[in-house]
Amino acid sequence: MATAVQELQKDLEEVKQLLEQATRKRVCDALMVEQRKLETEIANKEAQQRRTAEESTELSKPATIVTPVATGYTVKINNYGWDQSDKFVKIYITVNGVHQIPAENTQVSFTERSFEVLVKNLNGKNYSLTVNNLLKPISVEGSSRKVKKDAVLVMCKKVVEHKWEYLTQVEKQSKEKEKPSFDTDADPSAGLMNVLKKIYDDGDDEMKRTINKAWAESRDKQGKGDFDF
């Protein structure tokens, strides 16, 4: 798993380098789609690593009401990974040191289509994450959270035991609009090459020169060679 994450990170760095060199809007848009895909894959794989390597340090707690925090300032959490079983959607949130503070400092509130996480007074800061417009309804009473080493696991109980293709409605709409031409089960490097090759094959002479130039400059930095279709 570690090797897969490292390979994805290398692909991500290369996409960012190509994005810096690209000038054509179509090329930039396609590379940005690939960048978002790789960032999501990396977050999900890192979450799976934590789930496998760490044991639960605390039993599930019932949903609690988030109360206002009077001290410290709040840091918004933007990155998380998610997974699912037949009965639960599981959201993995990295918060370094969360297992070292009192359990009651980690609070989660649920609605039928959202949840909010608040970690209070961790090294003088508060941490929050709000996820709205969940893909499908969840059971407020059946949902809970667990505190793990350097992470919070949010357990959203499914109302209907059905596989979720996406976590939120916004993600579903965004992905369906993009309709990327790659196979999610394929090798990440192969997927990137397929995206770039399609842009190259469909482009005019100016676009091809732009891609060749960007690829060559990127390869020169890494000492690997030239771009060649």
C-alpha atoms as a PDB file:
ATOM      1  CA  MET A   1       0.000   0.000   0.000  1.00  0.00           C
ATOM      2  CA  ALA A   2       2.847   2.416   0.830  1.00  0.00           C
ATOM      3  CA  THR A   3       4.361   1.854  -2.606  1.00  0.00           C
ATOM      4  CA  ALA A   4       1.033   2.627  -4.280  1.00  0.00           C
ATOM      5  CA  VAL A   5       0.710   5.899  -2.357  1.00  0.00           C
ATOM      6  CA  GLN A   6       4.260   6.885  -3.271  1.00  0.00           C
ATOM      7  CA  GLU A   7       3.574   6.210  -6.948  1.00  0.00           C
ATOM      8  CA  LEU A   8       0.405   8.299  -6.819  1.00  0.00           C
ATOM      9  CA  GLN A   9       2.315  11.141  -5.164  1.00  0.00           C
ATOM     10  CA  LYS A  10       4.931  11.018  -7.931  1.00  0.00           C
ATOM     11  CA  ASP A  11       2.173  11.180 -10.557  1.00  0.00           C
ATOM     12  CA  LEU A  12       0.620  14.124  -8.726  1.00  0.00           C
ATOM     13  CA  GLU A  13       3.908  16.039  -8.691  1.00  0.00           C
ATOM     14  CA  GLU A  14       4.358  15.413 -12.409  1.00  0.00           C
ATOM     15  CA  VAL A  15       0.831  16.610 -13.183  1.00  0.00           C
ATOM     16  CA  LYS A  16       1.506  19.798 -11.194  1.00  0.00           C
ATOM     17  CA  GLN A  17       4.725  20.378 -13.160  1.00  0.00           C
ATOM     18  CA  LEU A  18       2.906  19.899 -16.467  1.00  0.00           C
ATOM     19  CA  LEU A  19       0.143  22.225 -15.298  1.00  0.00           C
ATOM     20  CA  GLU A  20       2.714  24.961 -14.636  1.00  0.00           C
ATOM     21  CA  GLN A  21       4.009  24.626 -18.201  1.00  0.00           C
ATOM     22  CA  ALA A  22       0.689  24.288 -20.025  1.00  0.00           C
ATOM     23  CA  THR A  23      -0.867  27.365 -21.642  1.00  0.00           C
ATOM     24  CA  ARG A  24      -3.831  25.920 -23.549  1.00  0.00           C
ATOM     25  CA  LYS A  25      -7.113  26.042 -21.605  1.00  0.00           C
ATOM     26  CA  ARG A  26      -8.150  22.551 -22.719  1.00  0.00           C
ATOM     27  CA  VAL A  27      -4.845  21.105 -21.590  1.00  0.00           C
ATOM     28  CA  CYS A  28      -5.032  22.935 -18.234  1.00  0.00           C
ATOM     29  CA  ASP A  29      -8.619  21.753 -17.615  1.00  0.00           C
ATOM     30  CA  ALA A  30      -7.746  18.109 -18.316  1.00  0.00           C
ATOM     31  CA  LEU A  31      -4.671  18.258 -16.087  1.00  0.00           C
ATOM     32  CA  MET A  32      -6.704  19.833 -13.252  1.00  0.00           C
ATOM     33  CA  VAL A  33      -9.227  16.967 -13.483  1.00  0.00           C
ATOM     34  CA  GLU A  34      -6.372  14.471 -13.224  1.00  0.00           C
ATOM     35  CA  GLN A  35      -4.898  16.391 -10.275  1.00  0.00           C
ATOM     36  CA  ARG A  36      -8.179  16.226  -8.323  1.00  0.00           C
ATOM     37  CA  LYS A  37      -8.502  12.506  -9.051  1.00  0.00           C
ATOM     38  CA  LEU A  38      -4.986  11.767  -7.791  1.00  0.00           C
ATOM     39  CA  GLU A  39      -5.471  13.854  -4.626  1.00  0.00           C
ATOM     40  CA  THR A  40      -8.660  11.929  -3.824  1.00  0.00           C
ATOM     41  CA  GLU A  41      -6.966   8.548  -4.425  1.00  0.00           C
ATOM     42  CA  ILE A  42      -4.060   9.504  -2.156  1.00  0.00           C
ATOM     43  CA  ALA A  43      -6.399  10.603   0.665  1.00  0.00           C
ATOM     44  CA  ASN A  44      -8.425   7.377   0.416  1.00  0.00           C
ATOM     45  CA  LYS A  45      -5.368   5.107   0.402  1.00  0.00           C
ATOM     46  CA  GLU A  46      -3.822   6.914   3.391  1.00  0.00           C
ATOM     47  CA  ALA A  47      -7.109   6.501   5.271  1.00  0.00           C
ATOM     48  CA  GLN A  48      -7.093   2.759   4.493  1.00  0.00           C
ATOM     49  CA  GLN A  49      -3.544   2.517   5.870  1.00  0.00           C
ATOM     50  CA  ARG A  50      -4.594   4.107   9.150  1.00  0.00           C
ATOM     51  CA  ARG A  51      -7.623   1.833   9.403  1.00  0.00           C
ATOM     52  CA  THR A  52      -5.476  -1.280   8.933  1.00  0.00           C
ATOM     53  CA  ALA A  53      -2.570  -0.224  11.184  1.00  0.00           C
ATOM     54  CA  GLU A  54      -4.434   1.249  14.141  1.00  0.00           C
ATOM     55  CA  GLU A  55      -6.703  -0.298  16.717  1.00  0.00           C
ATOM     56  CA  SER A  56      -9.664   1.552  18.118  1.00  0.00           C
ATOM     57  CA  THR A  57      -8.748   3.372  21.371  1.00  0.00           C
ATOM     58  CA  GLU A  58     -12.268   4.184  22.431  1.00  0.00           C
ATOM     59  CA  LEU A  59     -15.720   2.631  22.142  1.00  0.00           C
ATOM     60  CA  SER A  60     -18.356   4.270  19.983  1.00  0.00           C
ATOM     61  CA  LYS A  61     -20.040   7.233  21.621  1.00  0.00           C
ATOM     62  CA  PRO A  62     -23.595   8.415  20.879  1.00  0.00           C
ATOM     63  CA  ALA A  63     -24.068  11.549  18.857  1.00  0.00           C
ATOM     64  CA  THR A  64     -23.655  14.696  20.926  1.00  0.00           C
ATOM     65  CA  ILE A  65     -24.686  18.279  20.391  1.00  0.00           C
ATOM     66  CA  VAL A  66     -21.830  20.588  19.477  1.00  0.00           C
ATOM     67  CA  THR A  67     -21.658  23.503  21.899  1.00  0.00           C
ATOM     68  CA  PRO A  68     -20.011  26.868  21.212  1.00  0.00           C
ATOM     69  CA  VAL A  69     -16.323  27.135  22.042  1.00  0.00           C
ATOM     70  CA  ALA A  70     -15.268  30.168  24.043  1.00  0.00           C
ATOM     71  CA  THR A  71     -11.480  29.888  23.808  1.00  0.00           C
ATOM     72  CA  GLY A  72      -8.908  29.344  21.077  1.00  0.00           C
ATOM     73  CA  TYR A  73      -9.435  29.719  17.330  1.00  0.00           C
ATOM     74  CA  THR A  74     -10.887  27.189  14.931  1.00  0.00           C
ATOM     75  CA  VAL A  75      -8.990  25.477  12.124  1.00  0.00           C
ATOM     76  CA  LYS A  76     -11.117  24.199   9.246  1.00  0.00           C
ATOM     77  CA  ILE A  77     -10.321  20.619   8.214  1.00  0.00           C
ATOM     78  CA  ASN A  78     -10.351  20.185   4.434  1.00  0.00           C
ATOM     79  CA  ASN A  79      -8.805  16.738   3.878  1.00  0.00           C
ATOM     80  CA  TYR A  80     -10.345  13.404   4.760  1.00  0.00           C
ATOM     81  CA  GLY A  81     -10.778   9.910   3.349  1.00  0.00           C
ATOM     82  CA  TRP A  82     -13.823   7.686   3.334  1.00  0.00           C
ATOM     83  CA  ASP A  83     -14.758   4.034   2.987  1.00  0.00           C
ATOM     84  CA  GLN A  84     -17.897   1.988   3.504  1.00  0.00           C
ATOM     85  CA  SER A  85     -19.324  -1.325   4.607  1.00  0.00           C
ATOM     86  CA  ASP A  86     -22.817  -2.681   4.019  1.00  0.00           C
ATOM     87  CA  LYS A  87     -24.196  -0.747   7.014  1.00  0.00           C
ATOM     88  CA  PHE A  88     -21.907   2.236   7.483  1.00  0.00           C
ATOM     89  CA  VAL A  89     -20.159   5.021   5.595  1.00  0.00           C
ATOM     90  CA  LYS A  90     -16.851   5.649   7.381  1.00  0.00           C
ATOM     91  CA  ILE A  91     -15.045   8.996   7.243  1.00  0.00           C
ATOM     92  CA  TYR A  92     -11.393   9.095   8.370  1.00  0.00           C
ATOM     93  CA  ILE A  93     -10.140  12.498   9.564  1.00  0.00           C
ATOM     94  CA  THR A  94      -6.511  13.078  10.524  1.00  0.00           C
ATOM     95  CA  VAL A  95      -6.101  15.215  13.671  1.00  0.00           C
ATOM     96  CA  ASN A  96      -2.643  14.807  15.173  1.00  0.00           C
ATOM     97  CA  GLY A  97      -2.758  14.275  18.946  1.00  0.00           C
ATOM     98  CA  VAL A  98      -6.556  13.932  19.186  1.00  0.00           C
ATOM     99  CA  HIS A  99      -6.223  10.705  21.178  1.00  0.00           C
ATOM    100  CA  GLN A 100      -4.295  12.564  23.900  1.00  0.00           C
ATOM    101  CA  ILE A 101      -7.095  14.959  24.887  1.00  0.00           C
ATOM    102  CA  PRO A 102     -10.273  14.105  26.879  1.00  0.00           C
ATOM    103  CA  ALA A 103     -12.761  12.078  24.870  1.00  0.00           C
ATOM    104  CA  GLU A 104     -15.537  14.616  25.446  1.00  0.00           C
ATOM    105  CA  ASN A 105     -13.496  17.230  23.560  1.00  0.00           C
ATOM    106  CA  THR A 106     -14.265  15.404  20.327  1.00  0.00           C
ATOM    107  CA  GLN A 107     -17.896  16.021  19.400  1.00  0.00           C
ATOM    108  CA  VAL A 108     -19.943  15.082  16.346  1.00  0.00           C
ATOM    109  CA  SER A 109     -23.480  16.166  15.457  1.00  0.00           C
ATOM    110  CA  PHE A 110     -25.554  14.471  12.756  1.00  0.00           C
ATOM    111  CA  THR A 111     -28.563  15.318  10.622  1.00  0.00           C
ATOM    112  CA  GLU A 112     -30.224  13.101   8.028  1.00  0.00           C
ATOM    113  CA  ARG A 113     -27.953  14.445   5.249  1.00  0.00           C
ATOM    114  CA  SER A 114     -24.936  15.972   7.040  1.00  0.00           C
ATOM    115  CA  PHE A 115     -22.529  15.822   9.964  1.00  0.00           C
ATOM    116  CA  GLU A 116     -20.229  18.226  11.780  1.00  0.00           C
ATOM    117  CA  VAL A 117     -17.073  17.358  13.715  1.00  0.00           C
ATOM    118  CA  LEU A 118     -15.593  19.632  16.385  1.00  0.00           C
ATOM    119  CA  VAL A 119     -12.367  18.885  18.266  1.00  0.00           C
ATOM    120  CA  LYS A 120     -11.971  21.346  21.145  1.00  0.00           C
ATOM    121  CA  ASN A 121      -8.851  22.666  22.833  1.00  0.00           C
ATOM    122  CA  LEU A 122      -6.154  20.605  21.131  1.00  0.00           C
ATOM    123  CA  ASN A 123      -2.865  22.421  21.689  1.00  0.00           C
ATOM    124  CA  GLY A 124      -4.766  25.679  22.064  1.00  0.00           C
ATOM    125  CA  LYS A 125      -6.771  25.238  18.860  1.00  0.00           C
ATOM    126  CA  ASN A 126     -10.157  23.903  17.812  1.00  0.00           C
ATOM    127  CA  TYR A 127     -10.615  21.812  14.660  1.00  0.00           C
ATOM    128  CA  SER A 128     -13.847  21.515  12.690  1.00  0.00           C
ATOM    129  CA  LEU A 129     -15.176  19.693   9.642  1.00  0.00           C
ATOM    130  CA  THR A 130     -18.652  20.013   8.143  1.00  0.00           C
ATOM    131  CA  VAL A 131     -19.906  17.715   5.380  1.00  0.00           C
ATOM    132  CA  ASN A 132     -23.283  18.643   3.897  1.00  0.00           C
ATOM    133  CA  ASN A 133     -25.481  17.102   1.208  1.00  0.00           C
ATOM    134  CA  LEU A 134     -24.559  13.481   1.839  1.00  0.00           C
ATOM    135  CA  LEU A 135     -25.372  11.249  -1.121  1.00  0.00           C
ATOM    136  CA  LYS A 136     -28.106   9.371   0.767  1.00  0.00           C
ATOM    137  CA  PRO A 137     -29.935   9.731   4.105  1.00  0.00           C
ATOM    138  CA  ILE A 138     -28.306   8.425   7.294  1.00  0.00           C
ATOM    139  CA  SER A 139     -29.704   7.378  10.657  1.00  0.00           C
ATOM    140  CA  VAL A 140     -28.939  10.064  13.254  1.00  0.00           C
ATOM    141  CA  GLU A 141     -29.489   7.682  16.167  1.00  0.00           C
ATOM    142  CA  GLY A 142     -27.387   4.907  14.613  1.00  0.00           C
ATOM    143  CA  SER A 143     -24.420   7.123  13.730  1.00  0.00           C
ATOM    144  CA  SER A 144     -21.429   7.645  16.021  1.00  0.00           C
ATOM    145  CA  ARG A 145     -17.727   8.408  16.170  1.00  0.00           C
ATOM    146  CA  LYS A 146     -14.530   6.750  17.381  1.00  0.00           C
ATOM    147  CA  VAL A 147     -11.294   8.389  18.464  1.00  0.00           C
ATOM    148  CA  LYS A 148      -8.215   6.649  17.113  1.00  0.00           C
ATOM    149  CA  LYS A 149      -4.515   7.493  17.249  1.00  0.00           C
ATOM    150  CA  ASP A 150      -4.136  10.867  15.514  1.00  0.00           C
ATOM    151  CA  ALA A 151      -7.500  10.412  13.805  1.00  0.00           C
ATOM    152  CA  VAL A 152     -11.276  10.628  14.231  1.00  0.00           C
ATOM    153  CA  LEU A 153     -13.501   7.992  12.618  1.00  0.00           C
ATOM    154  CA  VAL A 154     -17.061   9.123  11.864  1.00  0.00           C
ATOM    155  CA  MET A 155     -19.529   6.247  11.416  1.00  0.00           C
ATOM    156  CA  CYS A 156     -22.613   7.262   9.396  1.00  0.00           C
ATOM    157  CA  LYS A 157     -25.293   4.567   9.638  1.00  0.00           C
ATOM    158  CA  LYS A 158     -26.944   3.929   6.287  1.00  0.00           C
ATOM    159  CA  VAL A 159     -30.737   4.043   6.226  1.00  0.00           C
ATOM    160  CA  VAL A 160     -30.668   1.695   3.233  1.00  0.00           C
ATOM    161  CA  GLU A 161     -27.874  -0.867   2.865  1.00  0.00           C
ATOM    162  CA  HIS A 162     -26.826   0.208  -0.595  1.00  0.00           C
ATOM    163  CA  LYS A 163     -23.378   0.999  -1.990  1.00  0.00           C
ATOM    164  CA  TRP A 164     -22.541   4.698  -2.214  1.00  0.00           C
ATOM    165  CA  GLU A 165     -20.658   5.672  -5.386  1.00  0.00           C
ATOM    166  CA  TYR A 166     -19.868   9.089  -3.897  1.00  0.00           C
ATOM    167  CA  LEU A 167     -19.910  10.652  -0.426  1.00  0.00           C
ATOM    168  CA  THR A 168     -21.904  13.782  -1.335  1.00  0.00           C
ATOM    169  CA  GLN A 169     -24.306  14.995  -3.989  1.00  0.00           C
ATOM    170  CA  VAL A 170     -21.838  17.744  -4.935  1.00  0.00           C
ATOM    171  CA  GLU A 171     -19.108  15.183  -5.608  1.00  0.00           C
ATOM    172  CA  LYS A 172     -21.503  13.111  -7.713  1.00  0.00           C
ATOM    173  CA  GLN A 173     -22.523  16.091  -9.848  1.00  0.00           C
ATOM    174  CA  SER A 174     -18.914  17.196 -10.277  1.00  0.00           C
ATOM    175  CA  LYS A 175     -17.659  13.758 -11.299  1.00  0.00           C
ATOM    176  CA  GLU A 176     -20.516  13.106 -13.694  1.00  0.00           C
ATOM    177  CA  LYS A 177     -19.977  16.493 -15.316  1.00  0.00           C
ATOM    178  CA  GLU A 178     -16.276  15.861 -15.805  1.00  0.00           C
ATOM    179  CA  LYS A 179     -16.746  12.329 -17.201  1.00  0.00           C
ATOM    180  CA  PRO A 180     -13.001  11.600 -17.268  1.00  0.00           C
ATOM    181  CA  SER A 181     -11.804   9.081 -19.854  1.00  0.00           C
ATOM    182  CA  PHE A 182      -9.802   6.818 -17.581  1.00  0.00           C
ATOM    183  CA  ASP A 183     -10.300   3.507 -15.834  1.00  0.00           C
ATOM    184  CA  THR A 184     -10.259   3.917 -12.033  1.00  0.00           C
ATOM    185  CA  ASP A 185      -9.066   0.337 -11.652  1.00  0.00           C
ATOM    186  CA  ALA A 186      -6.116   0.816 -13.994  1.00  0.00           C
ATOM    187  CA  ASP A 187      -2.569   1.729 -13.072  1.00  0.00           C
ATOM    188  CA  PRO A 188      -2.474   5.469 -12.080  1.00  0.00           C
ATOM    189  CA  SER A 189       0.472   6.196 -14.389  1.00  0.00           C
ATOM    190  CA  ALA A 190      -1.312   4.555 -17.310  1.00  0.00           C
ATOM    191  CA  GLY A 191      -4.410   6.631 -16.602  1.00  0.00           C
ATOM    192  CA  LEU A 192      -2.391   9.846 -16.719  1.00  0.00           C
ATOM    193  CA  MET A 193      -0.746   8.839 -19.982  1.00  0.00           C
ATOM    194  CA  ASN A 194      -4.131   8.024 -21.536  1.00  0.00           C
ATOM    195  CA  VAL A 195      -5.500  11.450 -20.601  1.00  0.00           C
ATOM    196  CA  LEU A 196      -2.487  13.271 -22.043  1.00  0.00           C
ATOM    197  CA  LYS A 197      -2.431  11.131 -25.182  1.00  0.00           C
ATOM    198  CA  LYS A 198      -6.100  11.814 -25.887  1.00  0.00           C
ATOM    199  CA  ILE A 199      -5.522  15.564 -25.551  1.00  0.00           C
ATOM    200  CA  TYR A 200      -2.494  15.279 -27.836  1.00  0.00           C
ATOM    201  CA  ASP A 201      -4.280  13.187 -30.484  1.00  0.00           C
ATOM    202  CA  ASP A 202      -7.319  15.504 -30.559  1.00  0.00           C
ATOM    203  CA  GLY A 203      -5.333  18.731 -30.544  1.00  0.00           C
ATOM    204  CA  ASP A 204      -4.104  20.954 -33.355  1.00  0.00           C
ATOM    205  CA  ASP A 205      -0.424  21.576 -34.148  1.00  0.00           C
ATOM    206  CA  GLU A 206      -0.137  24.384 -31.613  1.00  0.00           C
ATOM    207  CA  MET A 207      -1.586  22.231 -28.825  1.00  0.00           C
ATOM    208  CA  LYS A 208       0.779  19.382 -29.693  1.00  0.00           C
ATOM    209  CA  ARG A 209       3.762  21.715 -29.574  1.00  0.00           C
ATOM    210  CA  THR A 210       2.593  23.025 -26.181  1.00  0.00           C
ATOM    211  CA  ILE A 211       2.240  19.517 -24.727  1.00  0.00           C
ATOM    212  CA  ASN A 212       5.576  18.368 -26.141  1.00  0.00           C
ATOM    213  CA  LYS A 213       7.318  21.429 -24.713  1.00  0.00           C
ATOM    214  CA  ALA A 214       5.703  21.031 -21.277  1.00  0.00           C
ATOM    215  CA  TRP A 215       6.494  17.334 -21.151  1.00  0.00           C
ATOM    216  CA  ALA A 216      10.094  17.796 -22.267  1.00  0.00           C
ATOM    217  CA  GLU A 217      10.730  20.491 -19.651  1.00  0.00           C
ATOM    218  CA  SER A 218       9.144  18.344 -16.956  1.00  0.00           C
ATOM    219  CA  ARG A 219      11.248  15.321 -17.930  1.00  0.00           C
ATOM    220  CA  ASP A 220      14.418  17.435 -18.063  1.00  0.00           C
ATOM    221  CA  LYS A 221      13.861  18.422 -14.423  1.00  0.00           C
ATOM    222  CA  GLN A 222      13.599  14.778 -13.424  1.00  0.00           C
ATOM    223  CA  GLY A 223      16.355  13.549 -15.743  1.00  0.00           C
ATOM    224  CA  LYS A 224      14.119  10.936 -17.318  1.00  0.00           C
ATOM    225  CA  GLY A 225      13.945  11.794 -21.001  1.00  0.00           C
ATOM    226  CA  ASP A 226      11.535  13.375 -23.501  1.00  0.00           C
ATOM    227  CA  PHE A 227       7.794  13.108 -24.007  1.00  0.00           C
ATOM    228  CA  ASP A 228       6.950  10.887 -26.948  1.00  0.00           C
ATOM    229  CA  PHE A 229       3.589   9.759 -28.291  1.00  0.00           C
END
